[in-house]
Amino acid sequence: MFYQKLALLSTSNYSLPKPKQMKKNMGIADRVIRILIAVVIAVLYFTKTEPVTGTLGMVLLVIGAVFLLTSVISFCPLYTLIGVKTCKKE
């Protein structure tokens, strides 16, 4: 019974909906600033500079990683939520 249903599904024209594509919402200046901030945070953390150690250091390191990731993909989910777009119109 299970295999009959599986065979029926595989031969039908059923397809999954296409996922929405992320549109770029970050400009060049925004990306460069975020990358620089991420690098500064990483350098301060890994050189064990006094204020950037312990829990605060870990939190800042995560924020730096998020900045770096959003810069690489040119998309910031927070910008989408608040309706900000810093890139040039396409």
Protein backbone atom coordinates (compact mmCIF):
# COMPACT_ATOMS: atom_id res chain seq x y z
CA MET A 1 0.00 0.00 0.00
CA PHE A 2 2.78 2.44 0.95
CA TYR A 3 4.76 1.69 -2.20
CA GLN A 4 1.69 2.22 -4.37
CA LYS A 5 1.18 5.69 -2.89
CA LEU A 6 4.87 6.43 -3.30
CA ALA A 7 4.76 5.34 -6.94
CA LEU A 8 1.66 7.47 -7.49
CA LEU A 9 3.41 10.53 -6.03
CA SER A 10 6.52 9.98 -8.10
CA THR A 11 4.54 9.79 -11.36
CA SER A 12 2.27 12.76 -10.63
CA ASN A 13 2.98 16.34 -11.66
CA TYR A 14 3.38 17.45 -8.06
CA SER A 15 6.27 19.80 -7.43
CA LEU A 16 7.44 21.83 -4.47
CA PRO A 17 6.96 25.58 -4.58
CA LYS A 18 10.05 27.53 -5.56
CA PRO A 19 11.68 29.32 -2.64
CA LYS A 20 11.77 33.10 -2.68
CA GLN A 21 15.12 34.46 -3.72
CA MET A 22 16.91 36.89 -1.42
CA LYS A 23 17.36 40.25 -3.08
CA LYS A 24 20.43 42.30 -2.28
CA ASN A 25 19.73 45.14 0.12
CA MET A 26 23.25 46.22 1.11
CA GLY A 27 25.43 48.69 -0.77
CA ILE A 28 29.20 48.60 -1.18
CA ALA A 29 29.91 51.16 1.56
CA ASP A 30 27.72 49.26 4.03
CA ARG A 31 29.46 45.98 3.22
CA VAL A 32 32.96 47.46 3.59
CA ILE A 33 32.10 49.07 6.93
CA ARG A 34 30.68 45.78 8.25
CA ILE A 35 33.75 43.82 7.12
CA LEU A 36 36.07 46.34 8.78
CA ILE A 37 34.08 46.17 12.03
CA ALA A 38 34.18 42.35 11.93
CA VAL A 39 37.96 42.36 11.37
CA VAL A 40 38.54 44.83 14.22
CA ILE A 41 36.40 42.74 16.59
CA ALA A 42 38.25 39.55 15.59
CA VAL A 43 41.68 41.16 16.05
CA LEU A 44 40.73 42.55 19.46
CA TYR A 45 39.31 39.20 20.55
CA PHE A 46 42.21 37.03 19.37
CA THR A 47 44.86 39.37 20.76
CA LYS A 48 43.05 39.15 24.11
CA THR A 49 42.61 42.90 24.45
CA GLU A 50 41.19 43.65 27.90
CA PRO A 51 37.62 44.86 27.23
CA VAL A 52 37.00 42.21 24.54
CA THR A 53 37.40 39.06 26.62
CA GLY A 54 35.08 36.62 28.31
CA THR A 55 31.34 36.75 27.64
CA LEU A 56 31.46 40.20 26.06
CA GLY A 57 34.19 38.98 23.72
CA MET A 58 32.14 35.97 22.64
CA VAL A 59 29.05 38.13 22.02
CA LEU A 60 31.09 40.59 19.96
CA LEU A 61 32.69 37.72 18.05
CA VAL A 62 29.24 36.38 17.12
CA ILE A 63 28.13 39.87 16.04
CA GLY A 64 31.30 40.16 13.95
CA ALA A 65 30.55 36.80 12.31
CA VAL A 66 27.02 37.94 11.48
CA PHE A 67 28.40 41.18 10.02
CA LEU A 68 30.86 39.20 7.91
CA LEU A 69 28.22 36.74 6.68
CA THR A 70 25.70 39.44 5.77
CA SER A 71 28.44 41.36 3.96
CA VAL A 72 29.43 38.33 1.90
CA ILE A 73 25.86 37.60 0.78
CA SER A 74 24.88 41.33 0.50
CA PHE A 75 21.65 40.68 2.38
CA CYS A 76 20.63 41.80 5.87
CA PRO A 77 17.40 40.28 7.23
CA LEU A 78 17.03 43.16 9.70
CA TYR A 79 17.06 45.65 6.81
CA THR A 80 14.18 43.72 5.24
CA LEU A 81 12.15 43.91 8.44
CA ILE A 82 12.58 47.66 8.83
CA GLY A 83 12.44 48.45 5.10
CA VAL A 84 15.98 49.78 4.62
CA LYS A 85 17.87 49.29 1.36
CA THR A 86 21.38 50.76 0.99
CA CYS A 87 22.21 49.37 -2.46
CA LYS A 88 21.65 51.13 -5.73
CA LYS A 89 18.42 50.42 -7.57
CA GLU A 90 18.59 47.51 -9.97
